[in-house]
Protein backbone atom coordinates (compact mmCIF):
# COMPACT_ATOMS: atom_id res chain seq x y z
CA MET A 1 23.70 2.34 -2.27
CA GLN A 2 24.87 -0.96 -0.84
CA ARG A 3 24.17 -3.79 -3.24
CA SER A 4 26.18 -6.62 -1.71
CA SER A 5 27.39 -7.93 1.61
CA GLN A 6 29.57 -10.83 2.62
CA ASP A 7 30.94 -12.54 5.65
CA GLN A 8 33.02 -15.69 6.00
CA LYS A 9 30.29 -18.03 4.80
CA THR A 10 27.79 -16.06 2.74
CA ILE A 11 27.42 -13.62 -0.13
CA ARG A 12 24.31 -11.52 -0.51
CA TRP A 13 23.39 -9.49 -3.57
CA TYR A 14 20.58 -6.95 -3.38
CA ALA A 15 18.44 -5.73 -6.23
CA PHE A 16 18.55 -2.15 -4.96
CA ASP A 17 17.57 -0.07 -1.95
CA ARG A 18 16.12 3.26 -2.92
CA GLU A 19 12.86 4.99 -3.71
CA THR A 20 11.54 3.90 -7.10
CA LEU A 21 8.29 4.77 -8.81
CA PHE A 22 6.26 1.65 -9.52
CA SER A 23 3.63 3.47 -11.51
CA ARG A 24 4.05 1.03 -14.42
CA LEU A 25 2.17 -2.23 -14.81
CA THR A 26 5.39 -4.14 -15.50
CA LEU A 27 8.89 -3.09 -14.48
CA TYR A 28 12.19 -4.88 -15.05
CA PHE A 29 15.01 -3.52 -12.89
CA LEU A 30 18.59 -4.63 -13.54
CA THR A 31 21.79 -4.34 -11.50
CA ILE A 32 25.30 -5.60 -12.29
CA HIS A 33 27.41 -7.17 -9.53
CA PHE A 34 31.12 -7.98 -9.34
CA ARG A 35 31.99 -11.24 -7.64
CA ASN A 36 34.33 -9.41 -5.21
CA HIS A 37 37.29 -11.75 -5.64
CA HIS A 38 35.80 -14.45 -3.43
CA ASN A 39 38.49 -16.96 -2.58
CA THR A 40 36.10 -19.88 -2.26
CA LYS A 41 35.27 -21.21 -5.70
CA HIS A 42 31.87 -22.79 -5.08
CA ALA A 43 28.74 -21.28 -3.62
CA THR A 44 27.02 -24.57 -2.83
CA LEU A 45 23.51 -25.17 -1.59
CA ASP A 46 22.73 -27.39 1.40
CA VAL A 47 20.43 -27.38 4.42
CA SER A 48 22.76 -25.62 6.86
CA ILE A 49 25.72 -23.63 5.58
CA GLU A 50 25.48 -24.66 1.95
CA LYS A 51 22.29 -23.29 0.45
CA ARG A 52 20.77 -20.50 -1.61
CA LYS A 53 18.16 -18.25 -0.11
CA THR A 54 15.97 -15.97 -2.16
CA ILE A 55 15.10 -12.92 -0.08
CA VAL A 56 11.81 -11.34 -1.10
CA ASP A 57 11.09 -8.08 0.69
CA PRO A 58 8.00 -8.88 2.82
CA ASN A 59 6.55 -5.46 2.00
CA ASN A 60 6.59 -6.25 -1.71
CA ARG A 61 5.38 -9.81 -2.10
CA ASP A 62 2.38 -8.49 -3.97
CA ILE A 63 4.53 -7.04 -6.77
CA VAL A 64 7.62 -9.29 -7.01
CA HIS A 65 7.03 -11.64 -9.96
CA HIS A 66 10.46 -13.20 -10.40
CA LEU A 67 14.12 -12.79 -9.57
CA VAL A 68 16.88 -14.02 -11.90
CA LEU A 69 20.65 -13.91 -11.47
CA SER A 70 22.40 -14.26 -14.84
CA GLU A 71 26.06 -14.66 -15.68
CA CYS A 72 27.76 -12.01 -17.76
CA ASN A 73 29.92 -13.06 -20.69
CA PRO A 74 33.51 -13.67 -19.46
CA THR A 75 34.68 -10.91 -21.81
CA ALA A 76 32.37 -8.32 -20.21
CA VAL A 77 34.15 -5.26 -18.82
CA PHE A 78 32.60 -2.74 -16.42
CA ASP A 79 33.75 0.10 -14.19
CA ASP A 80 33.70 -1.62 -10.80
CA ASN A 81 33.11 1.74 -9.11
CA ASN A 82 30.12 2.57 -11.30
CA LEU A 83 28.32 -0.64 -12.17
CA PRO A 84 25.19 -0.26 -14.32
CA ASP A 85 21.76 -0.34 -12.74
CA GLY A 86 18.33 0.90 -13.69
CA ILE A 87 15.14 0.15 -15.56
CA CYS A 88 15.77 -2.39 -18.32
CA ASP A 89 14.95 -0.10 -21.24
CA ASP A 90 17.35 2.55 -19.91
CA VAL A 91 20.39 0.29 -19.44
CA ILE A 92 19.85 -2.48 -21.99
CA GLU A 93 22.79 -1.50 -24.19
CA SER A 94 25.28 -1.45 -21.33
CA ILE A 95 24.14 -4.78 -19.85
CA PHE A 96 23.77 -6.71 -23.12
CA PRO A 97 26.82 -8.96 -22.35
CA CYS A 98 24.91 -10.19 -19.30
CA ILE A 99 21.88 -11.59 -21.10
CA ALA A 100 23.37 -15.02 -20.71
CA SER A 101 23.29 -18.22 -18.69
CA ILE A 102 21.18 -18.51 -15.54
CA ALA A 103 22.95 -18.73 -12.17
CA SER A 104 19.86 -18.59 -9.96
CA VAL A 105 16.13 -18.27 -10.56
CA TRP A 106 13.08 -17.76 -8.37
CA ALA A 107 9.48 -17.03 -9.34
CA VAL A 108 6.24 -16.38 -7.50
CA GLY A 109 5.28 -19.18 -5.12
CA GLY A 110 8.66 -20.90 -5.26
CA ASP A 111 10.86 -22.15 -2.43
CA GLU A 112 12.97 -19.40 -0.94
CA ILE A 113 15.57 -21.83 0.42
CA VAL A 114 16.94 -24.32 -2.12
CA GLU A 115 19.51 -27.06 -1.64
CA TYR A 116 21.99 -28.24 -4.22
CA PRO A 117 22.55 -32.01 -4.38
CA GLU A 118 25.79 -32.93 -2.62
CA ILE A 119 27.50 -34.12 -5.80
CA GLY A 120 28.19 -30.57 -6.95
CA GLY A 121 27.86 -26.84 -6.44
CA TYR A 122 27.56 -23.62 -8.32
CA PRO A 123 31.04 -22.19 -9.07
CA ILE A 124 32.03 -18.71 -7.96
CA GLY A 125 35.40 -17.05 -7.41
CA GLY A 126 38.74 -18.80 -7.70
CA ASP A 127 39.62 -19.45 -11.34
CA PHE A 128 35.97 -19.48 -12.47
CA GLU A 129 35.74 -17.36 -15.61
CA ILE A 130 32.55 -15.45 -14.72
CA LYS A 131 33.40 -12.17 -13.00
CA TYR A 132 30.13 -10.25 -13.29
CA TYR A 133 26.50 -11.13 -12.72
CA MET A 134 23.24 -9.40 -13.63
CA PHE A 135 20.45 -9.32 -11.09
CA GLN A 136 17.03 -8.96 -12.73
CA MET A 137 13.90 -8.14 -10.76
CA HIS A 138 10.51 -8.32 -12.46
CA TYR A 139 7.79 -6.34 -10.71
CA ASP A 140 4.13 -6.77 -11.63
CA ASN A 141 2.08 -3.86 -10.33
CA PRO A 142 -1.52 -4.06 -11.61
CA LYS A 143 -2.68 -1.46 -9.05
CA LEU A 144 0.03 0.99 -10.22
CA ILE A 145 1.09 1.73 -6.63
CA PRO A 146 3.93 4.34 -6.61
CA ASN A 147 6.90 4.97 -4.31
CA ARG A 148 7.74 1.45 -3.21
CA ARG A 149 11.15 0.68 -1.69
CA ASP A 150 12.42 -2.84 -2.31
CA ASN A 151 15.29 -4.71 -0.69
CA SER A 152 14.91 -8.15 -2.26
CA GLY A 153 17.97 -10.20 -3.12
CA VAL A 154 19.67 -13.57 -2.99
CA ARG A 155 22.07 -15.04 -0.44
CA PHE A 156 24.57 -17.77 -1.33
CA TYR A 157 25.98 -19.91 1.48
CA LEU A 158 29.53 -20.93 0.65
CA GLY A 159 30.80 -24.46 1.17
CA LYS A 160 33.99 -25.18 3.06
CA GLU A 161 35.54 -27.09 0.16
CA LEU A 162 35.08 -27.70 -3.55
CA ARG A 163 32.45 -30.19 -4.54
CA GLN A 164 33.08 -32.78 -7.23
CA TYR A 165 31.18 -31.11 -10.09
CA GLU A 166 30.26 -27.63 -11.26
CA PHE A 167 26.56 -27.10 -11.90
CA GLY A 168 25.01 -25.17 -14.76
CA TYR A 169 21.54 -24.41 -16.12
CA LEU A 170 20.09 -25.25 -19.53
CA THR A 171 17.36 -22.98 -20.91
CA LEU A 172 15.01 -24.68 -23.40
CA GLY A 173 11.72 -23.79 -25.05
CA ALA A 174 10.48 -20.84 -27.10
CA ASP A 175 11.97 -17.43 -27.68
CA ILE A 176 10.30 -14.63 -25.68
CA THR A 177 8.88 -12.81 -28.71
CA HIS A 178 5.70 -12.60 -30.75
CA SER A 179 7.50 -14.43 -33.56
CA ALA A 180 7.56 -17.47 -31.26
CA ILE A 181 4.35 -17.14 -29.25
CA ALA A 182 0.99 -15.89 -30.54
CA ILE A 183 -2.03 -17.49 -28.85
CA PRO A 184 -5.59 -16.81 -30.09
CA PRO A 185 -8.13 -15.46 -27.58
CA GLU A 186 -11.00 -17.44 -26.05
CA THR A 187 -9.27 -20.75 -26.79
CA ASP A 188 -9.39 -23.57 -24.26
CA ARG A 189 -6.27 -25.38 -25.51
CA PHE A 190 -3.46 -24.06 -27.69
CA ILE A 191 -0.26 -26.08 -28.20
CA LEU A 192 3.19 -24.56 -28.69
CA ASP A 193 6.03 -26.92 -29.61
CA SER A 194 9.77 -26.23 -29.53
CA TYR A 195 12.64 -28.45 -30.57
CA CYS A 196 16.37 -28.68 -29.95
CA PRO A 197 17.95 -30.82 -32.71
CA ALA A 198 20.99 -33.10 -32.65
CA GLU A 199 22.95 -30.47 -34.55
CA VAL A 200 22.96 -28.43 -31.33
CA THR A 201 23.85 -31.14 -28.82
CA GLN A 202 26.37 -33.11 -30.89
CA ASN A 203 29.13 -30.65 -30.00
CA PHE A 204 28.64 -30.72 -26.22
CA SER A 205 31.96 -29.97 -24.51
CA GLU A 206 31.32 -32.96 -22.21
CA PRO A 207 30.66 -36.60 -23.24
CA ILE A 208 27.70 -36.88 -20.83
CA ILE A 209 25.72 -34.39 -18.78
CA THR A 210 23.36 -35.35 -15.96
CA VAL A 211 20.13 -33.45 -15.34
CA LEU A 212 19.09 -33.12 -11.69
CA ALA A 213 16.25 -30.61 -11.45
CA ALA A 214 13.66 -28.80 -13.57
CA PHE A 215 12.06 -25.36 -13.36
CA PRO A 216 9.11 -24.92 -15.78
CA HIS A 217 7.97 -21.37 -16.48
CA THR A 218 5.00 -19.87 -18.28
CA HIS A 219 2.77 -16.96 -17.33
CA LEU A 220 -0.93 -16.78 -16.50
CA GLN A 221 -2.30 -18.69 -19.49
CA GLY A 222 -0.10 -21.76 -19.02
CA LEU A 223 -1.94 -25.04 -18.32
CA SER A 224 0.83 -27.61 -18.62
CA MET A 225 4.36 -28.05 -19.89
CA TRP A 226 6.70 -30.92 -20.64
CA THR A 227 10.14 -31.61 -22.07
CA LYS A 228 11.02 -34.99 -23.58
CA LEU A 229 14.38 -36.60 -24.31
CA ILE A 230 14.63 -38.05 -27.83
CA ARG A 231 17.34 -40.51 -28.87
CA ASN A 232 17.49 -42.04 -32.35
CA LYS A 233 14.11 -40.44 -33.19
CA LYS A 234 12.44 -42.15 -30.23
CA VAL A 235 11.37 -40.61 -26.91
CA THR A 236 13.22 -42.32 -24.09
CA GLU A 237 11.57 -40.43 -21.21
CA TYR A 238 10.33 -37.11 -19.93
CA LEU A 239 12.99 -34.77 -18.67
CA PHE A 240 10.09 -33.24 -16.78
CA ASN A 241 6.32 -33.22 -17.07
CA ALA A 242 4.42 -30.38 -15.39
CA GLU A 243 0.99 -31.84 -16.07
CA ALA A 244 -0.86 -29.34 -13.89
CA TYR A 245 1.14 -26.14 -14.08
CA ASN A 246 0.16 -23.36 -11.67
CA PHE A 247 1.55 -19.86 -12.20
CA ASN A 248 1.27 -19.09 -8.48
CA TYR A 249 3.45 -22.05 -7.44
CA GLN A 250 6.63 -22.15 -9.51
CA PHE A 251 9.22 -24.51 -8.08
CA GLU A 252 12.61 -25.89 -8.94
CA ASN A 253 11.79 -29.61 -8.84
CA LEU A 254 14.44 -32.18 -8.00
CA LEU A 255 13.99 -35.15 -10.34
CA PRO A 256 13.22 -38.53 -8.72
CA LYS A 257 16.18 -39.90 -10.66
CA PRO A 258 18.98 -38.13 -12.53
CA ILE A 259 18.76 -38.27 -16.34
CA GLU A 260 21.78 -38.46 -18.63
CA LEU A 261 22.02 -36.52 -21.90
CA TYR A 262 24.49 -37.47 -24.64
CA PRO A 263 25.84 -35.59 -27.65
CA GLY A 264 23.39 -36.08 -30.51
CA ASP A 265 20.33 -36.32 -28.26
CA GLU A 266 17.33 -34.21 -29.23
CA ILE A 267 14.92 -32.40 -26.92
CA ALA A 268 11.26 -31.48 -27.44
CA THR A 269 9.39 -28.98 -25.27
CA ARG A 270 5.64 -28.35 -25.32
CA CYS A 271 3.58 -25.68 -23.58
CA ILE A 272 -0.22 -25.78 -23.53
CA TYR A 273 -2.25 -22.64 -22.89
CA SER A 274 -5.83 -21.61 -22.25
CA THR A 275 -7.09 -18.13 -23.11
CA THR A 276 -10.79 -18.57 -22.37
CA ASN A 277 -10.57 -15.54 -20.06
CA LYS A 278 -9.02 -13.22 -22.67
CA ALA A 279 -10.61 -11.31 -25.52
CA ASP A 280 -7.33 -10.34 -27.20
CA ILE A 281 -4.42 -12.30 -28.65
CA THR A 282 -1.64 -13.24 -26.20
CA LEU A 283 1.87 -12.67 -27.52
CA GLY A 284 5.27 -13.72 -26.29
CA GLY A 285 6.82 -11.09 -24.05
CA GLU A 286 8.07 -10.13 -20.60
CA ARG A 287 4.90 -8.68 -19.11
CA THR A 288 2.87 -10.99 -16.88
CA LYS A 289 -0.08 -10.69 -19.28
CA ASP A 290 2.23 -11.80 -22.11
CA GLU A 291 3.38 -15.42 -22.34
CA MET A 292 6.53 -17.47 -22.08
CA CYS A 293 7.52 -21.11 -22.60
CA LEU A 294 10.83 -21.66 -20.82
CA HIS A 295 12.13 -24.82 -19.18
CA TYR A 296 15.25 -24.50 -17.03
CA PHE A 297 17.27 -27.57 -16.06
CA LEU A 298 19.99 -27.88 -13.43
CA TYR A 299 22.73 -30.27 -14.57
CA TYR A 300 26.40 -31.26 -14.28
CA PRO A 301 29.18 -31.10 -15.35
CA ARG A 302 28.84 -27.55 -16.57
CA LEU A 303 29.17 -27.11 -20.36
CA LYS A 304 31.49 -24.47 -21.75
CA ASN A 305 29.77 -24.10 -25.12
CA PHE A 306 26.04 -24.38 -24.51
CA TYR A 307 23.37 -23.04 -22.20
CA THR A 308 20.33 -22.24 -24.34
CA CYS A 309 18.25 -23.60 -27.22
CA LEU A 310 15.19 -21.52 -28.09
CA SER A 311 12.96 -21.67 -31.16
CA PHE A 312 10.61 -19.36 -33.03
CA ASN A 313 8.65 -19.45 -36.28
CA SER A 314 10.94 -18.59 -39.17
CA GLN A 315 10.79 -15.31 -41.04
CA GLU A 316 9.69 -17.20 -44.16
CA ALA A 317 6.78 -18.74 -42.24
CA TRP A 318 5.55 -15.34 -41.13
CA GLU A 319 6.01 -13.82 -44.58
CA LYS A 320 3.86 -16.56 -46.06
CA VAL A 321 1.03 -16.32 -43.54
CA MET A 322 1.04 -12.50 -43.78
CA ASN A 323 1.25 -12.65 -47.58
CA SER A 324 4.17 -10.24 -47.33
CA SER A 325 6.68 -9.66 -50.11
CA GLU A 326 8.68 -6.82 -48.58
CA SER A 327 12.44 -7.05 -49.04
CA THR A 328 13.09 -6.36 -45.34
CA PHE A 329 10.88 -8.14 -42.82
CA ASP A 330 9.54 -5.82 -40.12
CA TYR A 331 8.95 -7.63 -36.80
CA ALA A 332 7.26 -4.53 -35.35
CA LYS A 333 4.78 -4.69 -38.22
CA LEU A 334 4.24 -8.38 -37.43
CA GLY A 335 3.23 -7.48 -33.89
CA LYS A 336 0.73 -4.91 -35.15
CA TRP A 337 -0.64 -7.38 -37.71
CA LEU A 338 -1.13 -10.04 -35.03
CA LYS A 339 -3.02 -7.67 -32.74
CA GLU A 340 -5.42 -6.74 -35.55
CA LEU A 341 -6.40 -10.32 -36.44
CA LYS A 342 -10.09 -11.24 -36.16
CA TRP A 343 -10.83 -14.68 -34.77
CA THR A 344 -13.40 -17.37 -35.47
CA GLN A 345 -13.48 -21.02 -34.43
CA GLU A 346 -12.28 -21.95 -37.90
CA SER A 347 -9.40 -19.45 -37.89
CA VAL A 348 -8.25 -20.72 -34.48
CA VAL A 349 -8.06 -24.26 -35.90
CA GLN A 350 -6.08 -22.97 -38.88
CA TRP A 351 -3.78 -21.00 -36.57
CA GLN A 352 -3.00 -24.13 -34.58
CA LYS A 353 -2.19 -25.94 -37.83
CA PHE A 354 0.09 -23.06 -38.86
CA PHE A 355 2.02 -23.34 -35.60
CA ASN A 356 2.19 -27.13 -35.87
CA ASP A 357 3.63 -27.04 -39.39
CA ALA A 358 5.61 -23.78 -39.50
CA PRO A 359 9.36 -23.89 -40.23
CA ARG A 360 11.37 -23.08 -37.13
CA SER A 361 14.51 -21.07 -36.48
CA ILE A 362 16.61 -22.25 -33.53
CA VAL A 363 19.03 -20.05 -31.58
CA ALA A 364 21.47 -22.13 -29.54
CA GLY A 365 24.86 -21.95 -27.86
CA VAL A 366 26.40 -19.36 -25.55
CA ALA A 367 26.59 -15.57 -25.56
CA GLY A 368 29.06 -14.42 -28.17
CA ASN A 369 28.83 -17.72 -30.03
CA PHE A 370 25.17 -18.31 -30.84
CA LYS A 371 24.27 -20.56 -33.74
CA LEU A 372 21.18 -20.14 -35.93
CA ILE A 373 19.67 -23.37 -37.23
CA ASN A 374 16.67 -23.63 -39.55
CA LEU A 375 14.26 -26.56 -39.42
CA PRO A 376 11.64 -27.08 -42.17
CA LYS A 377 9.25 -28.16 -39.38
CA ILE A 378 9.27 -29.84 -35.96
CA PRO A 379 10.73 -33.31 -36.68
CA GLU A 380 8.60 -36.40 -36.21
CA TYR A 381 9.58 -38.92 -33.55
CA GLU A 382 8.23 -42.06 -31.91
CA ASP A 383 6.50 -41.06 -28.69
CA LEU A 384 6.12 -42.93 -25.42
CA LYS A 385 3.52 -45.69 -25.45
CA SER A 386 0.50 -45.45 -23.17
CA GLU A 387 1.62 -48.38 -21.01
CA GLU A 388 4.62 -46.32 -19.98
CA CYS A 389 2.42 -44.07 -17.85
CA LYS A 390 4.45 -44.94 -14.73
CA THR A 391 7.49 -43.38 -16.36
CA ARG A 392 5.42 -40.31 -17.16
CA ILE A 393 4.27 -39.94 -13.58
CA SER A 394 7.75 -40.45 -12.12
CA ASN A 395 8.94 -37.19 -13.62
CA SER A 396 5.71 -35.25 -13.22
CA ALA A 397 5.28 -32.01 -11.35
CA ILE A 398 5.35 -33.48 -7.85
CA ARG A 399 7.27 -31.44 -5.30
CA GLN A 400 10.66 -33.07 -4.78
CA ARG A 401 12.60 -30.50 -2.73
């Protein structure tokens, strides 16, 4: 099957092109791509020949949930004549080195043509260390329709020359597991906080990075989402504030003004959910009916030693709330325990307090060099004052592209 094509100015990577049974509610399909020794180092995004185009098969718009292109670890080695592809559960071990930094992301309702600001571009080819990429398609098929053929993909339009800076993506928020996200049913407002401490950012490989765009992502229960920049225990501004998040319209938003991050800065992310339409607990996970709290940020210059900072409630926190004394903590048992909880108005209030106060574990860094940091709780900081509402609005979820 043909999974890529290129001419003088473009590269296109396909998800796949063959009959596949979509008889499952949720399907993640993965393919690995080799960069094909492209001589031009940057695939840049602009209106004419420098842009990225997400290609969603028009016959499958009802089932395509999101499309993510991830970088594989530079040390990853594959057989170029037999690159892995298949359903996630079937190929997860072979593609594990590619669960890494984001190179491109699109979700339902988003722009299919996206421009990069002229100051930089996404690096590809030349002496760029990434040789392989993983293309992930998430299909949501509530009607369980079988035998669908999909030809979705992404096209990069190559620039004629190198741009000044190389772009990268930061991934902030909560881990995609039930140890990070567990939202009671029939609740009109549940808050989930994540934190990236100075211990993570103080070793940035660059003295300053500049954030240009934001892509907030939750699933169906998400109401709003924000990420704040904290310096010296005081919020300086929102990195982005999606005050009225809509699952059906997920955009990469160009910030009204670039924002600089320095080593030692701290970052707080909050997602707010409503589950008034659900009778069962909502857990973190990859299915559309599960939940996420991820905030992607486009920035420059690209860092060599950092792309993600995700948090979850610590093992000790879960052991305490479960009243567990087992020598080996069983996360599968945690999931079962959560699903069996009975809820009252009082227990929902107590659950929110548990999440507010629970010790956190933070996973940060890059693939092959992740760091685990433990926080006794989300640190306190001085928030923005109410009179600074103009600053809040300036980085709110208004379409900027």
